[in-house]
Protein backbone atom coordinates (compact mmCIF):
# COMPACT_ATOMS: atom_id res chain seq x y z
CA MET A 1 118.64 128.86 86.93
CA ALA A 2 114.91 128.62 87.69
CA ILE A 3 113.13 125.49 88.33
CA ASP A 4 110.25 124.60 86.19
CA ARG A 5 107.74 123.34 88.68
CA ASN A 6 105.15 122.78 85.96
CA TYR A 7 107.19 120.18 84.25
CA VAL A 8 105.56 117.17 83.19
CA SER A 9 107.53 113.96 81.91
CA GLU A 10 106.54 112.24 78.98
CA MET A 11 106.05 109.39 80.88
CA ASP A 12 103.63 111.17 83.07
CA LYS A 13 101.66 112.38 80.08
CA PHE A 14 101.43 108.79 78.78
CA LEU A 15 100.23 107.52 82.09
CA LYS A 16 97.57 110.33 82.47
CA GLU A 17 96.15 109.53 79.05
CA PHE A 18 96.19 105.81 79.83
CA ASP A 19 94.48 106.29 82.86
CA GLU A 20 91.41 108.20 81.09
CA LYS A 21 90.70 105.41 78.61
CA PRO A 22 87.91 103.05 79.80
CA GLU A 23 89.59 99.85 78.89
CA SER A 24 92.39 100.76 81.46
CA HIS A 25 90.24 99.96 84.21
CA SER A 26 90.16 96.14 84.96
CA GLU A 27 87.74 94.34 87.59
CA SER A 28 90.41 94.25 89.99
CA ARG A 29 91.28 97.79 89.73
CA ARG A 30 87.67 98.87 90.10
CA ALA A 31 87.27 96.58 93.28
CA GLU A 32 90.29 98.47 94.60
CA GLU A 33 88.95 101.92 94.02
CA GLU A 34 85.53 100.75 95.64
CA LYS A 35 87.48 99.51 98.59
CA TYR A 36 89.41 102.68 99.20
CA LYS A 37 86.18 104.84 98.59
CA LYS A 38 84.67 102.84 101.44
CA ILE A 39 88.01 103.56 103.49
CA HIS A 40 88.31 107.09 103.03
CA ASP A 41 84.67 107.82 103.58
CA LEU A 42 84.85 106.24 106.96
CA ARG A 43 88.04 107.94 107.68
CA ASP A 44 86.81 111.51 106.52
CA ASN A 45 83.08 111.48 107.51
CA GLN A 46 81.51 110.99 111.12
CA TYR A 47 78.71 108.55 111.68
CA PRO A 48 77.58 109.32 115.25
CA GLU A 49 75.17 106.15 115.24
CA ARG A 50 78.02 103.77 115.33
CA GLN A 51 79.13 102.91 118.75
CA LYS A 52 82.70 102.87 119.53
CA SER A 53 83.90 99.50 120.77
CA LYS A 54 86.92 98.16 122.46
CA ILE A 55 89.46 96.27 120.43
CA TRP A 56 90.49 94.18 123.45
CA LYS A 57 87.98 92.52 125.92
CA ASP A 58 88.69 92.49 129.47
CA PHE A 59 88.98 89.00 130.78
């Protein structure tokens, strides 16, 4: 018996269609998306002008 690796459930189809509708994006969801865009940008791109700082200060 072969495994169908391209199977998409009815629920996944529904969620994909729902996600594509403009009214599915609430204000809090847009804020969350913007937050993660910034996080991913900082993670994936190098910014040499930023100086690395120590987390802990020596006392």
